[in-house]
Amino acid sequence: MDTKQKIEVKKLEIESEEKGFKGWIKSKQVRKTLIATVIGAIGGFLYFYFTDGRTMDAIPPGDIFQNVIFGAFLGFFVTNSPCARNKC
């Protein structure tokens, strides 16, 4: 009675990842985050322009900066929230 079983082993193929700043920039998540942050910043500027900016003769740069930063934060949050990464 020979009860030996043959075990098959598959070779694990591991692709080398680029490390450092270049590899970090080329990652899909970072590109998606940067694009969403820029779109959010543009959205913040457009929100300011169409709500408050049209009625002002002189626009204080602090107000514009605040809306642009808020829009950029929303773009960043949308792509990096736990729900965006399917970890809800």
PDB file of N, CA and C in Angstrom:
ATOM      1  N   MET A   1       0.821  -1.176   0.000  1.00  0.00           N
ATOM      2  CA  MET A   1       0.000   0.000   0.000  1.00  0.00           C
ATOM      3  C   MET A   1       0.871   1.247   0.000  1.00  0.00           C
ATOM      4  N   ASP A   2       0.878   1.881  -1.109  1.00  0.00           N
ATOM      5  CA  ASP A   2       1.678   3.101  -1.247  1.00  0.00           C
ATOM      6  C   ASP A   2       0.727   4.292  -1.151  1.00  0.00           C
ATOM      7  N   THR A   3       0.811   5.072  -0.077  1.00  0.00           N
ATOM      8  CA  THR A   3      -0.103   6.201   0.144  1.00  0.00           C
ATOM      9  C   THR A   3       0.584   7.542  -0.024  1.00  0.00           C
ATOM     10  N   LYS A   4       1.631   7.570  -0.758  1.00  0.00           N
ATOM     11  CA  LYS A   4       2.338   8.834  -0.981  1.00  0.00           C
ATOM     12  C   LYS A   4       1.540   9.696  -1.946  1.00  0.00           C
ATOM     13  N   GLN A   5       1.444  10.966  -1.627  1.00  0.00           N
ATOM     14  CA  GLN A   5       0.742  11.906  -2.495  1.00  0.00           C
ATOM     15  C   GLN A   5       1.755  12.826  -3.143  1.00  0.00           C
ATOM     16  N   LYS A   6       1.484  13.151  -4.365  1.00  0.00           N
ATOM     17  CA  LYS A   6       2.375  14.038  -5.086  1.00  0.00           C
ATOM     18  C   LYS A   6       1.919  15.480  -4.855  1.00  0.00           C
ATOM     19  N   ILE A   7       2.815  16.316  -4.413  1.00  0.00           N
ATOM     20  CA  ILE A   7       2.507  17.719  -4.142  1.00  0.00           C
ATOM     21  C   ILE A   7       3.070  18.564  -5.268  1.00  0.00           C
ATOM     22  N   GLU A   8       2.197  19.379  -5.844  1.00  0.00           N
ATOM     23  CA  GLU A   8       2.638  20.282  -6.902  1.00  0.00           C
ATOM     24  C   GLU A   8       2.899  21.657  -6.307  1.00  0.00           C
ATOM     25  N   VAL A   9       4.016  22.218  -6.669  1.00  0.00           N
ATOM     26  CA  VAL A   9       4.390  23.539  -6.176  1.00  0.00           C
ATOM     27  C   VAL A   9       4.457  24.484  -7.363  1.00  0.00           C
ATOM     28  N   LYS A  10       3.725  25.586  -7.256  1.00  0.00           N
ATOM     29  CA  LYS A  10       3.745  26.583  -8.321  1.00  0.00           C
ATOM     30  C   LYS A  10       4.774  27.648  -7.992  1.00  0.00           C
ATOM     31  N   LYS A  11       5.452  28.094  -9.010  1.00  0.00           N
ATOM     32  CA  LYS A  11       6.454  29.132  -8.825  1.00  0.00           C
ATOM     33  C   LYS A  11       5.751  30.478  -8.659  1.00  0.00           C
ATOM     34  N   LEU A  12       6.108  31.184  -7.633  1.00  0.00           N
ATOM     35  CA  LEU A  12       5.534  32.492  -7.363  1.00  0.00           C
ATOM     36  C   LEU A  12       6.311  33.543  -8.137  1.00  0.00           C
ATOM     37  N   GLU A  13       5.601  34.254  -8.994  1.00  0.00           N
ATOM     38  CA  GLU A  13       6.251  35.288  -9.795  1.00  0.00           C
ATOM     39  C   GLU A  13       6.026  36.641  -9.135  1.00  0.00           C
ATOM     40  N   ILE A  14       7.093  37.244  -8.735  1.00  0.00           N
ATOM     41  CA  ILE A  14       7.019  38.547  -8.077  1.00  0.00           C
ATOM     42  C   ILE A  14       7.704  39.566  -8.961  1.00  0.00           C
ATOM     43  N   GLU A  15       6.943  40.599  -9.291  1.00  0.00           N
ATOM     44  CA  GLU A  15       7.520  41.678 -10.090  1.00  0.00           C
ATOM     45  C   GLU A  15       8.170  42.683  -9.155  1.00  0.00           C
ATOM     46  N   SER A  16       9.313  43.151  -9.545  1.00  0.00           N
ATOM     47  CA  SER A  16       9.991  44.129  -8.703  1.00  0.00           C
ATOM     48  C   SER A  16       9.283  45.476  -8.810  1.00  0.00           C
ATOM     49  N   GLU A  17       9.096  46.098  -7.684  1.00  0.00           N
ATOM     50  CA  GLU A  17       8.467  47.409  -7.649  1.00  0.00           C
ATOM     51  C   GLU A  17       9.549  48.473  -7.664  1.00  0.00           C
ATOM     52  N   GLU A  18       9.245  49.558  -8.345  1.00  0.00           N
ATOM     53  CA  GLU A  18      10.183  50.672  -8.334  1.00  0.00           C
ATOM     54  C   GLU A  18      10.088  51.353  -6.981  1.00  0.00           C
ATOM     55  N   LYS A  19      11.220  51.547  -6.374  1.00  0.00           N
ATOM     56  CA  LYS A  19      11.224  52.182  -5.062  1.00  0.00           C
ATOM     57  C   LYS A  19      11.669  53.624  -5.195  1.00  0.00           C
ATOM     58  N   GLY A  20      11.426  54.375  -4.176  1.00  0.00           N
ATOM     59  CA  GLY A  20      11.837  55.763  -4.171  1.00  0.00           C
ATOM     60  C   GLY A  20      10.746  56.676  -4.691  1.00  0.00           C
ATOM     61  N   PHE A  21      11.140  57.892  -4.977  1.00  0.00           N
ATOM     62  CA  PHE A  21      10.189  58.920  -5.390  1.00  0.00           C
ATOM     63  C   PHE A  21       9.550  58.598  -6.737  1.00  0.00           C
ATOM     64  N   LYS A  22      10.341  58.080  -7.681  1.00  0.00           N
ATOM     65  CA  LYS A  22       9.802  57.743  -9.003  1.00  0.00           C
ATOM     66  C   LYS A  22       8.720  56.672  -8.905  1.00  0.00           C
ATOM     67  N   GLY A  23       8.977  55.658  -8.141  1.00  0.00           N
ATOM     68  CA  GLY A  23       7.998  54.592  -7.970  1.00  0.00           C
ATOM     69  C   GLY A  23       6.755  55.074  -7.251  1.00  0.00           C
ATOM     70  N   TRP A  24       6.947  55.979  -6.316  1.00  0.00           N
ATOM     71  CA  TRP A  24       5.823  56.530  -5.566  1.00  0.00           C
ATOM     72  C   TRP A  24       4.929  57.365  -6.477  1.00  0.00           C
ATOM     73  N   ILE A  25       5.533  58.200  -7.314  1.00  0.00           N
ATOM     74  CA  ILE A  25       4.765  59.051  -8.229  1.00  0.00           C
ATOM     75  C   ILE A  25       4.040  58.212  -9.277  1.00  0.00           C
ATOM     76  N   LYS A  26       4.655  57.128  -9.717  1.00  0.00           N
ATOM     77  CA  LYS A  26       4.048  56.309 -10.762  1.00  0.00           C
ATOM     78  C   LYS A  26       2.916  55.424 -10.256  1.00  0.00           C
ATOM     79  N   SER A  27       2.732  55.348  -8.944  1.00  0.00           N
ATOM     80  CA  SER A  27       1.668  54.490  -8.437  1.00  0.00           C
ATOM     81  C   SER A  27       0.302  55.069  -8.793  1.00  0.00           C
ATOM     82  N   LYS A  28      -0.626  54.178  -9.013  1.00  0.00           N
ATOM     83  CA  LYS A  28      -1.964  54.569  -9.467  1.00  0.00           C
ATOM     84  C   LYS A  28      -2.681  55.420  -8.416  1.00  0.00           C
ATOM     85  N   GLN A  29      -2.548  55.072  -7.148  1.00  0.00           N
ATOM     86  CA  GLN A  29      -3.240  55.799  -6.087  1.00  0.00           C
ATOM     87  C   GLN A  29      -2.741  57.235  -5.973  1.00  0.00           C
ATOM     88  N   VAL A  30      -1.453  57.455  -6.108  1.00  0.00           N
ATOM     89  CA  VAL A  30      -0.902  58.809  -5.990  1.00  0.00           C
ATOM     90  C   VAL A  30      -1.369  59.674  -7.151  1.00  0.00           C
ATOM     91  N   ARG A  31      -1.355  59.112  -8.354  1.00  0.00           N
ATOM     92  CA  ARG A  31      -1.834  59.885  -9.506  1.00  0.00           C
ATOM     93  C   ARG A  31      -3.299  60.255  -9.346  1.00  0.00           C
ATOM     94  N   LYS A  32      -4.101  59.310  -8.887  1.00  0.00           N
ATOM     95  CA  LYS A  32      -5.525  59.571  -8.683  1.00  0.00           C
ATOM     96  C   LYS A  32      -5.726  60.649  -7.616  1.00  0.00           C
ATOM     97  N   THR A  33      -4.935  60.600  -6.559  1.00  0.00           N
ATOM     98  CA  THR A  33      -5.033  61.591  -5.491  1.00  0.00           C
ATOM     99  C   THR A  33      -4.640  62.975  -5.984  1.00  0.00           C
ATOM    100  N   LEU A  34      -3.542  63.072  -6.732  1.00  0.00           N
ATOM    101  CA  LEU A  34      -3.112  64.375  -7.246  1.00  0.00           C
ATOM    102  C   LEU A  34      -4.139  64.971  -8.201  1.00  0.00           C
ATOM    103  N   ILE A  35      -4.696  64.160  -9.071  1.00  0.00           N
ATOM    104  CA  ILE A  35      -5.704  64.655 -10.013  1.00  0.00           C
ATOM    105  C   ILE A  35      -6.942  65.134  -9.267  1.00  0.00           C
ATOM    106  N   ALA A  36      -7.405  64.368  -8.280  1.00  0.00           N
ATOM    107  CA  ALA A  36      -8.588  64.767  -7.517  1.00  0.00           C
ATOM    108  C   ALA A  36      -8.323  66.022  -6.695  1.00  0.00           C
ATOM    109  N   THR A  37      -7.109  66.181  -6.173  1.00  0.00           N
ATOM    110  CA  THR A  37      -6.771  67.370  -5.398  1.00  0.00           C
ATOM    111  C   THR A  37      -6.769  68.609  -6.279  1.00  0.00           C
ATOM    112  N   VAL A  38      -6.210  68.503  -7.475  1.00  0.00           N
ATOM    113  CA  VAL A  38      -6.198  69.644  -8.405  1.00  0.00           C
ATOM    114  C   VAL A  38      -7.619  69.986  -8.848  1.00  0.00           C
ATOM    115  N   ILE A  39      -8.418  68.976  -9.150  1.00  0.00           N
ATOM    116  CA  ILE A  39      -9.808  69.233  -9.541  1.00  0.00           C
ATOM    117  C   ILE A  39     -10.572  69.876  -8.391  1.00  0.00           C
ATOM    118  N   GLY A  40     -10.327  69.429  -7.167  1.00  0.00           N
ATOM    119  CA  GLY A  40     -10.971  70.033  -6.003  1.00  0.00           C
ATOM    120  C   GLY A  40     -10.560  71.480  -5.808  1.00  0.00           C
ATOM    121  N   ALA A  41      -9.277  71.786  -6.027  1.00  0.00           N
ATOM    122  CA  ALA A  41      -8.802  73.168  -5.894  1.00  0.00           C
ATOM    123  C   ALA A  41      -9.446  74.063  -6.949  1.00  0.00           C
ATOM    124  N   ILE A  42      -9.542  73.571  -8.168  1.00  0.00           N
ATOM    125  CA  ILE A  42     -10.206  74.346  -9.223  1.00  0.00           C
ATOM    126  C   ILE A  42     -11.680  74.531  -8.886  1.00  0.00           C
ATOM    127  N   GLY A  43     -12.298  73.485  -8.362  1.00  0.00           N
ATOM    128  CA  GLY A  43     -13.697  73.589  -7.941  1.00  0.00           C
ATOM    129  C   GLY A  43     -13.883  74.601  -6.826  1.00  0.00           C
ATOM    130  N   GLY A  44     -12.947  74.657  -5.884  1.00  0.00           N
ATOM    131  CA  GLY A  44     -13.017  75.647  -4.808  1.00  0.00           C
ATOM    132  C   GLY A  44     -12.905  77.061  -5.332  1.00  0.00           C
ATOM    133  N   PHE A  45     -12.017  77.267  -6.302  1.00  0.00           N
ATOM    134  CA  PHE A  45     -11.883  78.593  -6.902  1.00  0.00           C
ATOM    135  C   PHE A  45     -13.149  78.978  -7.656  1.00  0.00           C
ATOM    136  N   LEU A  46     -13.690  78.050  -8.443  1.00  0.00           N
ATOM    137  CA  LEU A  46     -14.908  78.346  -9.203  1.00  0.00           C
ATOM    138  C   LEU A  46     -16.093  78.612  -8.279  1.00  0.00           C
ATOM    139  N   TYR A  47     -16.165  77.885  -7.167  1.00  0.00           N
ATOM    140  CA  TYR A  47     -17.230  78.133  -6.194  1.00  0.00           C
ATOM    141  C   TYR A  47     -17.123  79.554  -5.649  1.00  0.00           C
ATOM    142  N   PHE A  48     -15.914  79.960  -5.296  1.00  0.00           N
ATOM    143  CA  PHE A  48     -15.729  81.316  -4.782  1.00  0.00           C
ATOM    144  C   PHE A  48     -16.082  82.347  -5.844  1.00  0.00           C
ATOM    145  N   TYR A  49     -15.635  82.114  -7.065  1.00  0.00           N
ATOM    146  CA  TYR A  49     -15.850  83.088  -8.133  1.00  0.00           C
ATOM    147  C   TYR A  49     -17.340  83.267  -8.424  1.00  0.00           C
ATOM    148  N   PHE A  50     -18.073  82.180  -8.501  1.00  0.00           N
ATOM    149  CA  PHE A  50     -19.482  82.281  -8.867  1.00  0.00           C
ATOM    150  C   PHE A  50     -20.395  82.647  -7.703  1.00  0.00           C
ATOM    151  N   THR A  51     -19.935  82.548  -6.459  1.00  0.00           N
ATOM    152  CA  THR A  51     -20.786  82.933  -5.332  1.00  0.00           C
ATOM    153  C   THR A  51     -20.444  84.324  -4.809  1.00  0.00           C
ATOM    154  N   ASP A  52     -19.208  84.568  -4.435  1.00  0.00           N
ATOM    155  CA  ASP A  52     -18.824  85.841  -3.820  1.00  0.00           C
ATOM    156  C   ASP A  52     -17.991  86.725  -4.733  1.00  0.00           C
ATOM    157  N   GLY A  53     -17.194  86.144  -5.581  1.00  0.00           N
ATOM    158  CA  GLY A  53     -16.215  86.895  -6.359  1.00  0.00           C
ATOM    159  C   GLY A  53     -16.809  87.843  -7.375  1.00  0.00           C
ATOM    160  N   ARG A  54     -17.952  87.544  -7.916  1.00  0.00           N
ATOM    161  CA  ARG A  54     -18.542  88.398  -8.942  1.00  0.00           C
ATOM    162  C   ARG A  54     -19.030  89.725  -8.384  1.00  0.00           C
ATOM    163  N   THR A  55     -19.438  89.739  -7.141  1.00  0.00           N
ATOM    164  CA  THR A  55     -20.002  90.968  -6.577  1.00  0.00           C
ATOM    165  C   THR A  55     -18.944  91.891  -5.998  1.00  0.00           C
ATOM    166  N   MET A  56     -17.716  91.449  -5.882  1.00  0.00           N
ATOM    167  CA  MET A  56     -16.662  92.261  -5.272  1.00  0.00           C
ATOM    168  C   MET A  56     -15.843  92.966  -6.344  1.00  0.00           C
ATOM    169  N   ASP A  57     -15.454  94.200  -6.045  1.00  0.00           N
ATOM    170  CA  ASP A  57     -14.555  94.910  -6.951  1.00  0.00           C
ATOM    171  C   ASP A  57     -13.115  94.466  -6.722  1.00  0.00           C
ATOM    172  N   ALA A  58     -12.720  94.394  -5.469  1.00  0.00           N
ATOM    173  CA  ALA A  58     -11.372  93.944  -5.115  1.00  0.00           C
ATOM    174  C   ALA A  58     -11.515  92.657  -4.302  1.00  0.00           C
ATOM    175  N   ILE A  59     -10.953  91.587  -4.810  1.00  0.00           N
ATOM    176  CA  ILE A  59     -11.079  90.291  -4.143  1.00  0.00           C
ATOM    177  C   ILE A  59      -9.865  90.075  -3.247  1.00  0.00           C
ATOM    178  N   PRO A  60     -10.088  89.912  -1.951  1.00  0.00           N
ATOM    179  CA  PRO A  60      -8.957  89.639  -1.056  1.00  0.00           C
ATOM    180  C   PRO A  60      -8.396  88.241  -1.312  1.00  0.00           C
ATOM    181  N   PRO A  61      -7.085  88.127  -1.468  1.00  0.00           N
ATOM    182  CA  PRO A  61      -6.488  86.825  -1.791  1.00  0.00           C
ATOM    183  C   PRO A  61      -6.688  85.774  -0.705  1.00  0.00           C
ATOM    184  N   GLY A  62      -6.875  86.199   0.534  1.00  0.00           N
ATOM    185  CA  GLY A  62      -7.079  85.239   1.617  1.00  0.00           C
ATOM    186  C   GLY A  62      -8.347  84.432   1.436  1.00  0.00           C
ATOM    187  N   ASP A  63      -9.401  85.072   0.941  1.00  0.00           N
ATOM    188  CA  ASP A  63     -10.659  84.366   0.718  1.00  0.00           C
ATOM    189  C   ASP A  63     -10.530  83.347  -0.408  1.00  0.00           C
ATOM    190  N   ILE A  64      -9.845  83.731  -1.461  1.00  0.00           N
ATOM    191  CA  ILE A  64      -9.636  82.801  -2.577  1.00  0.00           C
ATOM    192  C   ILE A  64      -8.815  81.606  -2.103  1.00  0.00           C
ATOM    193  N   PHE A  65      -7.740  81.888  -1.381  1.00  0.00           N
ATOM    194  CA  PHE A  65      -6.850  80.836  -0.895  1.00  0.00           C
ATOM    195  C   PHE A  65      -7.603  79.857   0.004  1.00  0.00           C
ATOM    196  N   GLN A  66      -8.461  80.370   0.861  1.00  0.00           N
ATOM    197  CA  GLN A  66      -9.224  79.523   1.775  1.00  0.00           C
ATOM    198  C   GLN A  66     -10.141  78.568   0.997  1.00  0.00           C
ATOM    199  N   ASN A  67     -10.823  79.062  -0.021  1.00  0.00           N
ATOM    200  CA  ASN A  67     -11.707  78.211  -0.810  1.00  0.00           C
ATOM    201  C   ASN A  67     -10.937  77.198  -1.652  1.00  0.00           C
ATOM    202  N   VAL A  68      -9.790  77.599  -2.178  1.00  0.00           N
ATOM    203  CA  VAL A  68      -8.976  76.674  -2.969  1.00  0.00           C
ATOM    204  C   VAL A  68      -8.452  75.550  -2.079  1.00  0.00           C
ATOM    205  N   ILE A  69      -7.984  75.879  -0.896  1.00  0.00           N
ATOM    206  CA  ILE A  69      -7.480  74.860   0.035  1.00  0.00           C
ATOM    207  C   ILE A  69      -8.604  73.922   0.465  1.00  0.00           C
ATOM    208  N   PHE A  70      -9.776  74.465   0.729  1.00  0.00           N
ATOM    209  CA  PHE A  70     -10.910  73.628   1.121  1.00  0.00           C
ATOM    210  C   PHE A  70     -11.297  72.673  -0.011  1.00  0.00           C
ATOM    211  N   GLY A  71     -11.332  73.170  -1.241  1.00  0.00           N
ATOM    212  CA  GLY A  71     -11.637  72.310  -2.384  1.00  0.00           C
ATOM    213  C   GLY A  71     -10.586  71.236  -2.589  1.00  0.00           C
ATOM    214  N   ALA A  72      -9.315  71.599  -2.419  1.00  0.00           N
ATOM    215  CA  ALA A  72      -8.231  70.620  -2.554  1.00  0.00           C
ATOM    216  C   ALA A  72      -8.342  69.547  -1.474  1.00  0.00           C
ATOM    217  N   PHE A  73      -8.700  69.954  -0.260  1.00  0.00           N
ATOM    218  CA  PHE A  73      -8.881  68.983   0.818  1.00  0.00           C
ATOM    219  C   PHE A  73     -10.015  68.017   0.498  1.00  0.00           C
ATOM    220  N   LEU A  74     -11.111  68.536  -0.042  1.00  0.00           N
ATOM    221  CA  LEU A  74     -12.219  67.650  -0.400  1.00  0.00           C
ATOM    222  C   LEU A  74     -11.800  66.654  -1.481  1.00  0.00           C
ATOM    223  N   GLY A  75     -11.045  67.118  -2.471  1.00  0.00           N
ATOM    224  CA  GLY A  75     -10.548  66.206  -3.498  1.00  0.00           C
ATOM    225  C   GLY A  75      -9.623  65.151  -2.924  1.00  0.00           C
ATOM    226  N   PHE A  76      -8.766  65.548  -1.989  1.00  0.00           N
ATOM    227  CA  PHE A  76      -7.860  64.608  -1.327  1.00  0.00           C
ATOM    228  C   PHE A  76      -8.644  63.601  -0.494  1.00  0.00           C
ATOM    229  N   PHE A  77      -9.638  64.088   0.240  1.00  0.00           N
ATOM    230  CA  PHE A  77     -10.416  63.222   1.124  1.00  0.00           C
ATOM    231  C   PHE A  77     -11.234  62.204   0.337  1.00  0.00           C
ATOM    232  N   VAL A  78     -11.771  62.622  -0.796  1.00  0.00           N
ATOM    233  CA  VAL A  78     -12.588  61.712  -1.597  1.00  0.00           C
ATOM    234  C   VAL A  78     -11.769  60.516  -2.073  1.00  0.00           C
ATOM    235  N   THR A  79     -10.516  60.724  -2.417  1.00  0.00           N
ATOM    236  CA  THR A  79      -9.702  59.614  -2.921  1.00  0.00           C
ATOM    237  C   THR A  79      -8.983  58.846  -1.823  1.00  0.00           C
ATOM    238  N   ASN A  80      -8.855  59.397  -0.629  1.00  0.00           N
ATOM    239  CA  ASN A  80      -8.107  58.722   0.432  1.00  0.00           C
ATOM    240  C   ASN A  80      -8.947  58.344   1.636  1.00  0.00           C
ATOM    241  N   SER A  81     -10.248  58.484   1.553  1.00  0.00           N
ATOM    242  CA  SER A  81     -11.089  58.073   2.671  1.00  0.00           C
ATOM    243  C   SER A  81     -11.113  56.545   2.737  1.00  0.00           C
ATOM    244  N   PRO A  82     -11.410  55.989   3.890  1.00  0.00           N
ATOM    245  CA  PRO A  82     -11.463  54.526   3.986  1.00  0.00           C
ATOM    246  C   PRO A  82     -12.483  53.910   3.029  1.00  0.00           C
ATOM    247  N   CYS A  83     -13.581  54.596   2.794  1.00  0.00           N
ATOM    248  CA  CYS A  83     -14.598  54.051   1.881  1.00  0.00           C
ATOM    249  C   CYS A  83     -14.113  54.058   0.434  1.00  0.00           C
ATOM    250  N   ALA A  84     -13.243  54.993   0.073  1.00  0.00           N
ATOM    251  CA  ALA A  84     -12.713  55.024  -1.286  1.00  0.00           C
ATOM    252  C   ALA A  84     -11.778  53.845  -1.535  1.00  0.00           C
ATOM    253  N   ARG A  85     -11.213  53.308  -0.479  1.00  0.00           N
ATOM    254  CA  ARG A  85     -10.299  52.161  -0.607  1.00  0.00           C
ATOM    255  C   ARG A  85     -10.979  50.844  -0.234  1.00  0.00           C
ATOM    256  N   ASN A  86     -12.313  50.841  -0.215  1.00  0.00           N
ATOM    257  CA  ASN A  86     -13.120  49.652   0.095  1.00  0.00           C
ATOM    258  C   ASN A  86     -12.804  49.073   1.470  1.00  0.00           C
ATOM    259  N   LYS A  87     -12.596  49.937   2.453  1.00  0.00           N
ATOM    260  CA  LYS A  87     -12.324  49.484   3.817  1.00  0.00           C
ATOM    261  C   LYS A  87     -13.371  50.022   4.784  1.00  0.00           C
ATOM    262  N   CYS A  88     -14.584  50.241   4.306  1.00  0.00           N
ATOM    263  CA  CYS A  88     -15.667  50.733   5.174  1.00  0.00           C
ATOM    264  C   CYS A  88     -16.106  49.657   6.127  1.00  0.00           C
TER     265      CYS A  88
END
